[in-house]
N, C-alpha and C. Protein backbone atom coordinates (compact mmCIF):
# COMPACT_ATOMS: atom_id res chain seq x y z
N UNK A 1 0.92 17.50 -20.91
CA UNK A 1 -0.13 16.52 -20.71
C UNK A 1 0.42 15.35 -19.88
N UNK A 2 -0.37 14.89 -18.95
CA UNK A 2 0.03 13.78 -18.09
C UNK A 2 -0.16 12.47 -18.84
N UNK A 3 0.85 11.63 -18.79
CA UNK A 3 0.80 10.35 -19.49
C UNK A 3 -0.23 9.43 -18.85
N UNK A 4 -1.04 8.71 -19.62
CA UNK A 4 -2.08 7.82 -19.07
C UNK A 4 -1.53 6.74 -18.14
N UNK A 5 -0.27 6.36 -18.27
CA UNK A 5 0.30 5.34 -17.39
C UNK A 5 0.31 5.81 -15.93
N UNK A 6 0.46 7.11 -15.69
CA UNK A 6 0.47 7.62 -14.33
C UNK A 6 -0.92 7.53 -13.70
N UNK A 7 -1.97 7.79 -14.49
CA UNK A 7 -3.33 7.62 -13.97
C UNK A 7 -3.56 6.15 -13.60
N UNK A 8 -3.10 5.24 -14.45
CA UNK A 8 -3.24 3.82 -14.18
C UNK A 8 -2.50 3.43 -12.90
N UNK A 9 -1.28 3.97 -12.70
CA UNK A 9 -0.50 3.69 -11.50
C UNK A 9 -1.22 4.17 -10.24
N UNK A 10 -1.76 5.38 -10.28
CA UNK A 10 -2.48 5.93 -9.14
C UNK A 10 -3.71 5.08 -8.81
N UNK A 11 -4.51 4.74 -9.82
CA UNK A 11 -5.71 3.93 -9.59
C UNK A 11 -5.36 2.55 -9.06
N UNK A 12 -4.29 1.95 -9.57
CA UNK A 12 -3.87 0.63 -9.09
C UNK A 12 -3.48 0.68 -7.62
N UNK A 13 -2.70 1.68 -7.22
CA UNK A 13 -2.29 1.81 -5.81
C UNK A 13 -3.50 1.99 -4.90
N UNK A 14 -4.44 2.82 -5.30
CA UNK A 14 -5.63 3.05 -4.49
C UNK A 14 -6.47 1.78 -4.38
N UNK A 15 -6.65 1.06 -5.48
CA UNK A 15 -7.43 -0.18 -5.46
C UNK A 15 -6.79 -1.24 -4.57
N UNK A 16 -5.49 -1.40 -4.67
CA UNK A 16 -4.80 -2.40 -3.86
C UNK A 16 -4.91 -2.06 -2.38
N UNK A 17 -4.76 -0.78 -2.04
CA UNK A 17 -4.80 -0.39 -0.63
C UNK A 17 -6.19 -0.49 -0.02
N UNK A 18 -7.24 -0.16 -0.76
CA UNK A 18 -8.53 0.05 -0.12
C UNK A 18 -9.66 -0.87 -0.55
N UNK A 19 -9.50 -1.64 -1.60
CA UNK A 19 -10.59 -2.50 -2.03
C UNK A 19 -10.35 -3.96 -1.72
N UNK A 20 -9.26 -4.27 -1.06
CA UNK A 20 -8.94 -5.65 -0.72
C UNK A 20 -8.90 -5.75 0.80
N UNK A 21 -9.58 -6.76 1.36
CA UNK A 21 -9.47 -6.98 2.80
C UNK A 21 -8.10 -7.56 3.07
N UNK A 22 -7.33 -6.88 3.91
CA UNK A 22 -5.98 -7.32 4.19
C UNK A 22 -5.80 -7.59 5.67
N UNK A 23 -4.91 -8.51 5.97
CA UNK A 23 -4.60 -8.87 7.35
C UNK A 23 -3.09 -8.94 7.49
N UNK A 24 -2.60 -8.64 8.68
CA UNK A 24 -1.18 -8.75 8.97
C UNK A 24 -0.97 -9.92 9.92
N UNK A 25 0.00 -10.76 9.63
CA UNK A 25 0.29 -11.92 10.47
C UNK A 25 1.19 -11.48 11.62
N UNK A 26 0.82 -11.82 12.84
CA UNK A 26 1.63 -11.51 14.02
C UNK A 26 1.73 -12.75 14.88
N UNK A 27 2.42 -12.61 16.01
CA UNK A 27 2.56 -13.73 16.94
C UNK A 27 1.22 -14.12 17.55
N UNK A 28 0.29 -13.18 17.66
CA UNK A 28 -0.98 -13.44 18.32
C UNK A 28 -2.09 -13.77 17.34
N UNK A 29 -1.79 -13.89 16.06
CA UNK A 29 -2.82 -14.19 15.08
C UNK A 29 -2.96 -13.07 14.07
N UNK A 30 -4.17 -12.95 13.52
CA UNK A 30 -4.40 -11.94 12.49
C UNK A 30 -4.95 -10.66 13.10
N UNK A 31 -4.44 -9.52 12.62
CA UNK A 31 -4.91 -8.21 13.05
C UNK A 31 -5.50 -7.52 11.82
N UNK A 32 -6.74 -7.10 11.92
CA UNK A 32 -7.36 -6.40 10.81
C UNK A 32 -6.73 -5.01 10.67
N UNK A 33 -6.59 -4.55 9.45
CA UNK A 33 -5.98 -3.24 9.20
C UNK A 33 -6.95 -2.13 9.57
N UNK A 34 -6.39 -0.93 9.74
CA UNK A 34 -7.19 0.26 10.02
C UNK A 34 -6.95 1.28 8.93
N UNK A 35 -8.02 1.90 8.47
CA UNK A 35 -7.92 2.93 7.43
C UNK A 35 -7.90 4.30 8.10
N UNK A 36 -7.07 5.20 7.56
CA UNK A 36 -6.97 6.54 8.12
C UNK A 36 -6.98 7.59 7.01
N UNK A 37 -7.31 8.81 7.39
CA UNK A 37 -7.27 9.98 6.51
C UNK A 37 -6.44 11.03 7.22
N UNK A 38 -5.47 11.61 6.51
CA UNK A 38 -4.57 12.58 7.12
C UNK A 38 -4.53 13.86 6.29
N UNK A 39 -4.61 15.00 6.97
CA UNK A 39 -4.43 16.31 6.34
C UNK A 39 -3.09 16.84 6.83
N UNK A 40 -2.27 17.31 5.89
CA UNK A 40 -0.89 17.67 6.21
C UNK A 40 -0.56 19.05 5.65
N UNK A 41 0.08 19.89 6.47
CA UNK A 41 0.53 21.22 6.06
C UNK A 41 1.99 21.38 6.48
N UNK A 42 2.82 21.92 5.58
CA UNK A 42 4.21 22.16 5.95
C UNK A 42 4.72 23.45 5.32
N UNK A 43 5.80 23.95 5.89
CA UNK A 43 6.51 25.12 5.37
C UNK A 43 7.92 24.71 5.01
N UNK A 44 8.37 25.07 3.81
CA UNK A 44 9.73 24.76 3.38
C UNK A 44 10.65 25.95 3.65
N UNK A 45 11.95 25.72 3.52
CA UNK A 45 12.92 26.80 3.76
C UNK A 45 13.31 27.52 2.47
N UNK A 46 12.45 27.50 1.46
CA UNK A 46 12.73 28.17 0.20
C UNK A 46 12.46 29.67 0.31
N UNK A 47 13.12 30.48 -0.52
CA UNK A 47 12.83 31.92 -0.49
C UNK A 47 11.46 32.19 -1.10
N UNK A 48 10.82 33.28 -0.68
CA UNK A 48 9.55 33.65 -1.27
C UNK A 48 8.49 33.97 -0.24
N UNK A 49 7.26 34.02 -0.70
CA UNK A 49 6.12 34.37 0.15
C UNK A 49 5.69 33.17 0.99
N UNK A 50 4.80 33.42 1.94
CA UNK A 50 4.28 32.34 2.78
C UNK A 50 3.56 31.30 1.91
N UNK A 51 2.78 31.76 0.93
CA UNK A 51 2.11 30.83 0.02
C UNK A 51 3.08 30.00 -0.80
N UNK A 52 4.20 30.61 -1.18
CA UNK A 52 5.22 29.89 -1.95
C UNK A 52 5.95 28.85 -1.13
N UNK A 53 6.03 29.05 0.17
CA UNK A 53 6.70 28.11 1.06
C UNK A 53 5.77 27.01 1.56
N UNK A 54 4.46 27.17 1.36
CA UNK A 54 3.46 26.26 1.92
C UNK A 54 3.24 25.04 1.05
N UNK A 55 3.03 23.91 1.70
CA UNK A 55 2.75 22.63 1.05
C UNK A 55 1.52 22.06 1.74
N UNK A 56 0.54 21.60 0.98
CA UNK A 56 -0.68 21.04 1.54
C UNK A 56 -0.98 19.72 0.86
N UNK A 57 -1.37 18.71 1.65
CA UNK A 57 -1.68 17.41 1.05
C UNK A 57 -2.72 16.67 1.88
N UNK A 58 -3.30 15.66 1.23
CA UNK A 58 -4.25 14.74 1.86
C UNK A 58 -3.75 13.34 1.60
N UNK A 59 -3.69 12.54 2.65
CA UNK A 59 -3.21 11.16 2.54
C UNK A 59 -4.30 10.22 3.03
N UNK A 60 -4.47 9.11 2.32
CA UNK A 60 -5.37 8.04 2.73
C UNK A 60 -4.52 6.78 2.79
N UNK A 61 -4.66 6.02 3.89
CA UNK A 61 -3.81 4.85 4.02
C UNK A 61 -4.37 3.80 4.95
N UNK A 62 -3.58 2.75 5.13
CA UNK A 62 -3.92 1.66 6.05
C UNK A 62 -2.76 1.46 7.01
N UNK A 63 -3.11 1.04 8.23
CA UNK A 63 -2.09 0.79 9.24
C UNK A 63 -2.21 -0.63 9.75
N UNK A 64 -1.05 -1.29 9.87
CA UNK A 64 -0.92 -2.61 10.45
C UNK A 64 0.01 -2.47 11.65
N UNK A 65 -0.54 -2.43 12.85
CA UNK A 65 0.24 -2.30 14.08
C UNK A 65 1.22 -1.12 13.98
N UNK A 66 2.53 -1.33 13.79
CA UNK A 66 3.49 -0.23 13.78
C UNK A 66 3.85 0.25 12.37
N UNK A 67 3.28 -0.36 11.33
CA UNK A 67 3.59 0.01 9.95
C UNK A 67 2.33 0.53 9.27
N UNK A 68 2.48 1.61 8.50
CA UNK A 68 1.36 2.10 7.70
C UNK A 68 1.84 2.42 6.29
N UNK A 69 0.90 2.40 5.35
CA UNK A 69 1.19 2.70 3.96
C UNK A 69 0.06 3.57 3.43
N UNK A 70 0.42 4.73 2.88
CA UNK A 70 -0.59 5.65 2.39
C UNK A 70 -0.26 6.19 1.02
N UNK A 71 -1.30 6.70 0.35
CA UNK A 71 -1.13 7.42 -0.91
C UNK A 71 -1.48 8.88 -0.62
N UNK A 72 -0.64 9.76 -1.12
CA UNK A 72 -0.68 11.17 -0.78
C UNK A 72 -0.86 11.98 -2.06
N UNK A 73 -1.83 12.88 -2.07
CA UNK A 73 -2.03 13.82 -3.17
C UNK A 73 -1.88 15.22 -2.60
N UNK A 74 -1.09 16.07 -3.27
CA UNK A 74 -0.89 17.39 -2.71
C UNK A 74 -0.30 18.37 -3.68
N UNK A 75 0.07 19.54 -3.13
CA UNK A 75 0.69 20.61 -3.89
C UNK A 75 2.00 20.99 -3.21
N UNK A 76 3.04 21.19 -4.01
CA UNK A 76 4.34 21.59 -3.47
C UNK A 76 4.38 23.06 -3.11
N UNK A 77 3.42 23.84 -3.58
CA UNK A 77 3.31 25.25 -3.23
C UNK A 77 1.85 25.68 -3.34
N UNK A 78 1.45 26.62 -2.51
CA UNK A 78 0.09 27.15 -2.58
C UNK A 78 0.04 28.49 -3.31
N UNK A 79 1.19 28.94 -3.80
CA UNK A 79 1.27 30.20 -4.53
C UNK A 79 0.65 30.03 -5.92
N UNK A 80 0.01 31.10 -6.42
CA UNK A 80 -0.57 31.06 -7.76
C UNK A 80 0.56 30.92 -8.79
N UNK A 81 0.41 29.99 -9.71
CA UNK A 81 1.43 29.73 -10.72
C UNK A 81 0.90 30.19 -12.07
N UNK A 82 1.68 31.04 -12.75
CA UNK A 82 1.31 31.50 -14.09
C UNK A 82 1.73 30.43 -15.09
N UNK A 83 0.90 30.16 -16.07
CA UNK A 83 1.21 29.11 -17.04
C UNK A 83 0.75 27.76 -16.51
N UNK A 84 1.41 26.71 -16.95
CA UNK A 84 1.00 25.37 -16.51
C UNK A 84 1.42 25.14 -15.05
N UNK A 85 0.52 24.53 -14.31
CA UNK A 85 0.74 24.30 -12.88
C UNK A 85 1.60 23.06 -12.69
N UNK A 86 2.80 23.24 -12.14
CA UNK A 86 3.73 22.13 -11.92
C UNK A 86 3.84 21.78 -10.43
N UNK A 87 2.81 22.09 -9.65
CA UNK A 87 2.91 21.89 -8.21
C UNK A 87 2.15 20.67 -7.69
N UNK A 88 1.33 20.00 -8.51
CA UNK A 88 0.58 18.84 -8.05
C UNK A 88 1.47 17.61 -8.03
N UNK A 89 1.33 16.80 -6.96
CA UNK A 89 2.14 15.58 -6.88
C UNK A 89 1.33 14.42 -6.31
N UNK A 90 1.83 13.22 -6.58
CA UNK A 90 1.30 11.96 -6.05
C UNK A 90 2.48 11.25 -5.39
N UNK A 91 2.25 10.69 -4.19
CA UNK A 91 3.34 10.05 -3.46
C UNK A 91 2.84 8.82 -2.73
N UNK A 92 3.66 7.79 -2.66
CA UNK A 92 3.40 6.61 -1.84
C UNK A 92 4.29 6.75 -0.61
N UNK A 93 3.68 6.65 0.60
CA UNK A 93 4.40 6.96 1.83
C UNK A 93 4.31 5.82 2.85
N UNK A 94 5.32 4.95 2.91
CA UNK A 94 5.38 3.98 4.00
C UNK A 94 5.87 4.69 5.27
N UNK A 95 5.31 4.29 6.41
CA UNK A 95 5.63 4.94 7.68
C UNK A 95 5.84 3.85 8.73
N UNK A 96 6.86 4.04 9.57
CA UNK A 96 7.15 3.09 10.64
C UNK A 96 7.15 3.82 11.97
N UNK A 97 6.40 3.29 12.94
CA UNK A 97 6.41 3.83 14.30
C UNK A 97 7.60 3.20 15.01
N UNK A 98 8.65 4.01 15.24
CA UNK A 98 9.92 3.51 15.76
C UNK A 98 9.86 3.21 17.25
N UNK A 99 9.36 4.16 18.03
CA UNK A 99 9.38 4.04 19.48
C UNK A 99 8.11 4.65 20.04
N UNK A 100 7.54 4.03 21.05
CA UNK A 100 6.31 4.55 21.65
C UNK A 100 6.46 4.61 23.16
N UNK A 101 6.06 5.74 23.73
CA UNK A 101 6.04 5.93 25.18
C UNK A 101 4.73 6.62 25.53
N UNK A 102 3.81 5.89 26.14
CA UNK A 102 2.51 6.45 26.48
C UNK A 102 1.74 6.84 25.23
N UNK A 103 1.32 8.10 25.14
CA UNK A 103 0.56 8.59 23.99
C UNK A 103 1.45 9.16 22.89
N UNK A 104 2.77 9.15 23.08
CA UNK A 104 3.71 9.71 22.10
C UNK A 104 4.41 8.61 21.32
N UNK A 105 4.58 8.85 20.02
CA UNK A 105 5.24 7.89 19.13
C UNK A 105 6.23 8.64 18.25
N UNK A 106 7.43 8.08 18.08
CA UNK A 106 8.41 8.62 17.14
C UNK A 106 8.20 7.91 15.81
N UNK A 107 8.03 8.68 14.73
CA UNK A 107 7.72 8.10 13.42
C UNK A 107 8.83 8.36 12.42
N UNK A 108 8.97 7.47 11.45
CA UNK A 108 9.90 7.62 10.34
C UNK A 108 9.15 7.33 9.05
N UNK A 109 9.21 8.27 8.11
CA UNK A 109 8.51 8.12 6.83
C UNK A 109 9.50 8.28 5.69
N UNK A 110 9.44 7.37 4.74
CA UNK A 110 10.19 7.50 3.49
C UNK A 110 9.17 7.43 2.37
N UNK A 111 9.22 8.39 1.47
CA UNK A 111 8.22 8.43 0.41
C UNK A 111 8.86 8.54 -0.95
N UNK A 112 8.11 8.12 -1.95
CA UNK A 112 8.54 8.26 -3.34
C UNK A 112 7.32 8.67 -4.15
N UNK A 113 7.52 9.63 -5.07
CA UNK A 113 6.38 10.13 -5.81
C UNK A 113 6.74 10.77 -7.13
N UNK A 114 5.73 11.40 -7.72
CA UNK A 114 5.85 12.02 -9.03
C UNK A 114 5.20 13.39 -8.98
N UNK A 115 5.92 14.44 -9.43
CA UNK A 115 5.39 15.80 -9.51
C UNK A 115 4.96 16.01 -10.96
N UNK A 116 3.66 16.22 -11.17
CA UNK A 116 3.11 16.31 -12.52
C UNK A 116 3.59 17.56 -13.26
N UNK A 117 3.98 17.39 -14.50
CA UNK A 117 4.37 18.45 -15.43
C UNK A 117 5.62 19.22 -15.03
N UNK A 118 6.35 18.80 -14.01
CA UNK A 118 7.53 19.52 -13.54
C UNK A 118 8.80 18.97 -14.19
N UNK A 119 9.81 19.82 -14.44
CA UNK A 119 11.07 19.30 -14.99
C UNK A 119 11.79 18.39 -14.00
N UNK A 120 11.72 18.69 -12.71
CA UNK A 120 12.24 17.80 -11.66
C UNK A 120 11.06 17.01 -11.11
N UNK A 121 10.65 15.98 -11.84
CA UNK A 121 9.39 15.31 -11.53
C UNK A 121 9.49 14.13 -10.57
N UNK A 122 10.69 13.62 -10.31
CA UNK A 122 10.84 12.51 -9.36
C UNK A 122 10.97 13.09 -7.96
N UNK A 123 10.13 12.63 -7.03
CA UNK A 123 10.10 13.14 -5.66
C UNK A 123 10.45 12.02 -4.70
N UNK A 124 11.35 12.30 -3.77
CA UNK A 124 11.58 11.37 -2.66
C UNK A 124 11.58 12.18 -1.37
N UNK A 125 11.24 11.52 -0.27
CA UNK A 125 11.05 12.21 1.00
C UNK A 125 11.63 11.38 2.13
N UNK A 126 12.19 12.06 3.11
CA UNK A 126 12.64 11.43 4.34
C UNK A 126 12.19 12.33 5.49
N UNK A 127 11.34 11.79 6.38
CA UNK A 127 10.71 12.59 7.43
C UNK A 127 10.78 11.86 8.76
N UNK A 128 11.00 12.61 9.83
CA UNK A 128 10.91 12.09 11.18
C UNK A 128 9.92 12.95 11.94
N UNK A 129 9.14 12.33 12.81
CA UNK A 129 8.13 13.11 13.51
C UNK A 129 7.81 12.58 14.89
N UNK A 130 7.04 13.38 15.62
CA UNK A 130 6.53 13.00 16.93
C UNK A 130 5.02 13.05 16.84
N UNK A 131 4.39 11.91 17.06
CA UNK A 131 2.94 11.79 16.96
C UNK A 131 2.33 11.69 18.35
N UNK A 132 1.23 12.40 18.55
CA UNK A 132 0.50 12.37 19.82
C UNK A 132 -0.88 11.78 19.57
N UNK A 133 -1.24 10.75 20.34
CA UNK A 133 -2.56 10.13 20.23
C UNK A 133 -3.52 10.91 21.11
N UNK A 134 -4.26 11.85 20.51
CA UNK A 134 -5.19 12.69 21.27
C UNK A 134 -6.40 11.88 21.73
N UNK A 135 -6.97 11.07 20.82
CA UNK A 135 -8.07 10.16 21.15
C UNK A 135 -7.82 8.86 20.39
N UNK A 136 -8.71 7.88 20.55
CA UNK A 136 -8.57 6.62 19.83
C UNK A 136 -8.68 6.80 18.32
N UNK A 137 -9.26 7.91 17.87
CA UNK A 137 -9.45 8.15 16.44
C UNK A 137 -8.63 9.31 15.89
N UNK A 138 -8.16 10.22 16.73
CA UNK A 138 -7.46 11.42 16.27
C UNK A 138 -6.01 11.42 16.75
N UNK A 139 -5.08 11.52 15.79
CA UNK A 139 -3.65 11.60 16.09
C UNK A 139 -3.10 12.90 15.50
N UNK A 140 -2.25 13.59 16.27
CA UNK A 140 -1.63 14.83 15.83
C UNK A 140 -0.13 14.59 15.70
N UNK A 141 0.48 15.17 14.66
CA UNK A 141 1.89 14.89 14.37
C UNK A 141 2.62 16.19 14.06
N UNK A 142 3.81 16.35 14.62
CA UNK A 142 4.73 17.43 14.29
C UNK A 142 5.96 16.76 13.69
N UNK A 143 6.40 17.22 12.50
CA UNK A 143 7.53 16.54 11.88
C UNK A 143 8.42 17.50 11.11
N UNK A 144 9.58 16.99 10.74
CA UNK A 144 10.53 17.74 9.92
C UNK A 144 11.20 16.74 8.99
N UNK A 145 11.71 17.25 7.88
CA UNK A 145 12.36 16.35 6.94
C UNK A 145 12.85 17.06 5.72
N UNK A 146 13.02 16.29 4.66
CA UNK A 146 13.58 16.83 3.42
C UNK A 146 12.88 16.20 2.22
N UNK A 147 12.54 17.06 1.25
CA UNK A 147 12.04 16.62 -0.05
C UNK A 147 13.20 16.71 -1.04
N UNK A 148 13.37 15.69 -1.87
CA UNK A 148 14.37 15.68 -2.93
C UNK A 148 13.63 15.62 -4.26
N UNK A 149 13.95 16.52 -5.17
CA UNK A 149 13.35 16.55 -6.49
C UNK A 149 14.46 16.32 -7.51
N UNK A 150 14.22 15.46 -8.49
CA UNK A 150 15.23 15.28 -9.53
C UNK A 150 14.55 15.06 -10.87
N UNK A 151 15.23 15.52 -11.89
CA UNK A 151 14.76 15.37 -13.26
C UNK A 151 15.87 14.85 -14.13
N UNK A 152 15.75 15.08 -15.41
CA UNK A 152 16.75 14.59 -16.35
C UNK A 152 18.05 15.38 -16.27
N UNK A 153 17.95 16.70 -16.07
CA UNK A 153 19.15 17.54 -16.11
C UNK A 153 19.46 18.26 -14.80
N UNK A 154 18.48 18.40 -13.92
CA UNK A 154 18.69 19.15 -12.69
C UNK A 154 18.08 18.41 -11.50
N UNK A 155 18.46 18.84 -10.31
CA UNK A 155 17.92 18.28 -9.08
C UNK A 155 17.94 19.37 -8.01
N UNK A 156 17.09 19.23 -7.00
CA UNK A 156 17.08 20.18 -5.90
C UNK A 156 16.52 19.49 -4.66
N UNK A 157 16.69 20.13 -3.52
CA UNK A 157 16.12 19.60 -2.28
C UNK A 157 15.75 20.76 -1.38
N UNK A 158 14.76 20.53 -0.53
CA UNK A 158 14.32 21.53 0.45
C UNK A 158 14.03 20.82 1.76
N UNK A 159 14.30 21.50 2.86
CA UNK A 159 13.90 20.98 4.16
C UNK A 159 12.57 21.61 4.53
N UNK A 160 11.84 20.97 5.44
CA UNK A 160 10.53 21.48 5.82
C UNK A 160 10.21 21.14 7.26
N UNK A 161 9.23 21.85 7.79
CA UNK A 161 8.65 21.61 9.11
C UNK A 161 7.15 21.54 8.90
N UNK A 162 6.49 20.50 9.44
CA UNK A 162 5.07 20.34 9.16
C UNK A 162 4.27 19.85 10.35
N UNK A 163 2.96 19.97 10.21
CA UNK A 163 2.00 19.46 11.19
C UNK A 163 0.92 18.70 10.43
N UNK A 164 0.36 17.68 11.09
CA UNK A 164 -0.71 16.91 10.46
C UNK A 164 -1.69 16.43 11.50
N UNK A 165 -2.88 16.09 11.03
CA UNK A 165 -3.92 15.49 11.86
C UNK A 165 -4.43 14.26 11.11
N UNK A 166 -4.46 13.12 11.80
CA UNK A 166 -4.92 11.87 11.20
C UNK A 166 -6.20 11.42 11.90
N UNK A 167 -7.17 10.97 11.10
CA UNK A 167 -8.42 10.45 11.63
C UNK A 167 -8.50 8.97 11.27
N UNK A 168 -8.64 8.09 12.28
CA UNK A 168 -8.78 6.65 12.07
C UNK A 168 -10.27 6.32 12.07
N UNK A 169 -10.71 5.57 11.06
CA UNK A 169 -12.12 5.25 10.93
C UNK A 169 -12.59 4.23 11.96
N UNK A 170 -11.68 3.43 12.49
CA UNK A 170 -11.96 2.54 13.62
C UNK A 170 -11.11 3.03 14.78
N UNK A 171 -11.57 2.87 16.02
CA UNK A 171 -10.74 3.29 17.15
C UNK A 171 -9.39 2.58 17.12
N UNK A 172 -8.32 3.34 17.32
CA UNK A 172 -6.96 2.80 17.28
C UNK A 172 -6.58 2.34 18.68
N UNK A 173 -6.20 1.09 18.80
CA UNK A 173 -5.75 0.54 20.08
C UNK A 173 -4.25 0.32 19.98
N UNK A 174 -3.48 1.05 20.78
CA UNK A 174 -2.03 0.86 20.78
C UNK A 174 -1.70 -0.51 21.33
N UNK A 175 -0.96 -1.27 20.55
CA UNK A 175 -0.52 -2.59 20.98
C UNK A 175 1.00 -2.56 21.07
N UNK A 176 1.52 -3.04 22.15
CA UNK A 176 2.96 -3.07 22.31
C UNK A 176 3.55 -4.10 21.36
N UNK A 177 4.66 -3.76 20.73
CA UNK A 177 5.33 -4.72 19.86
C UNK A 177 6.40 -5.50 20.62
N UNK A 178 6.49 -5.27 21.93
CA UNK A 178 7.46 -5.98 22.77
C UNK A 178 6.79 -7.23 23.33
N UNK A 179 7.42 -8.38 23.13
CA UNK A 179 6.88 -9.64 23.63
C UNK A 179 7.35 -9.82 25.06
N UNK A 180 6.40 -10.01 25.97
CA UNK A 180 6.74 -10.19 27.38
C UNK A 180 7.17 -11.63 27.63
N UNK A 181 8.27 -11.83 28.37
CA UNK A 181 8.70 -13.21 28.65
C UNK A 181 7.72 -13.90 29.59
N UNK A 182 7.60 -15.21 29.43
CA UNK A 182 6.67 -15.98 30.27
C UNK A 182 7.37 -16.52 31.48
């Protein structure tokens, strides 16, 4: 059974991210945040079937210029699990756009989360990716990284390769973070 404190934590994160009007302070004044929805699919290097290697998740978040913060709900495997399902997870994922050239952006994501009912229930993630701005609202990302799982007595890690598509509810305008000299 999932402890009620985890439901409270998830609801608190969602409320803070999406029910409060937030602004980021910059040199040019206030920039309103942008909300996005991302669908993510990845394959891990674990042994087994294609379904066992597959990971699927949905992330909802906000972006402030080069920084974004999202909450991610997903499954660590799409394979049918006999008995109690230990594949559902919740993760908080801060993301930083490191470098941008034209429509391409290099991204870095570090995440921390909880895998429900699993013996290795603490999840951390380190991901690097290349994002392509297809339109003002649609971004496509190819990435690779590593998931780390740890519990009280054991720990494990897997590497993965993934693809994602992000939809911005307001048109995204790329703003340079480089200040031009006067």
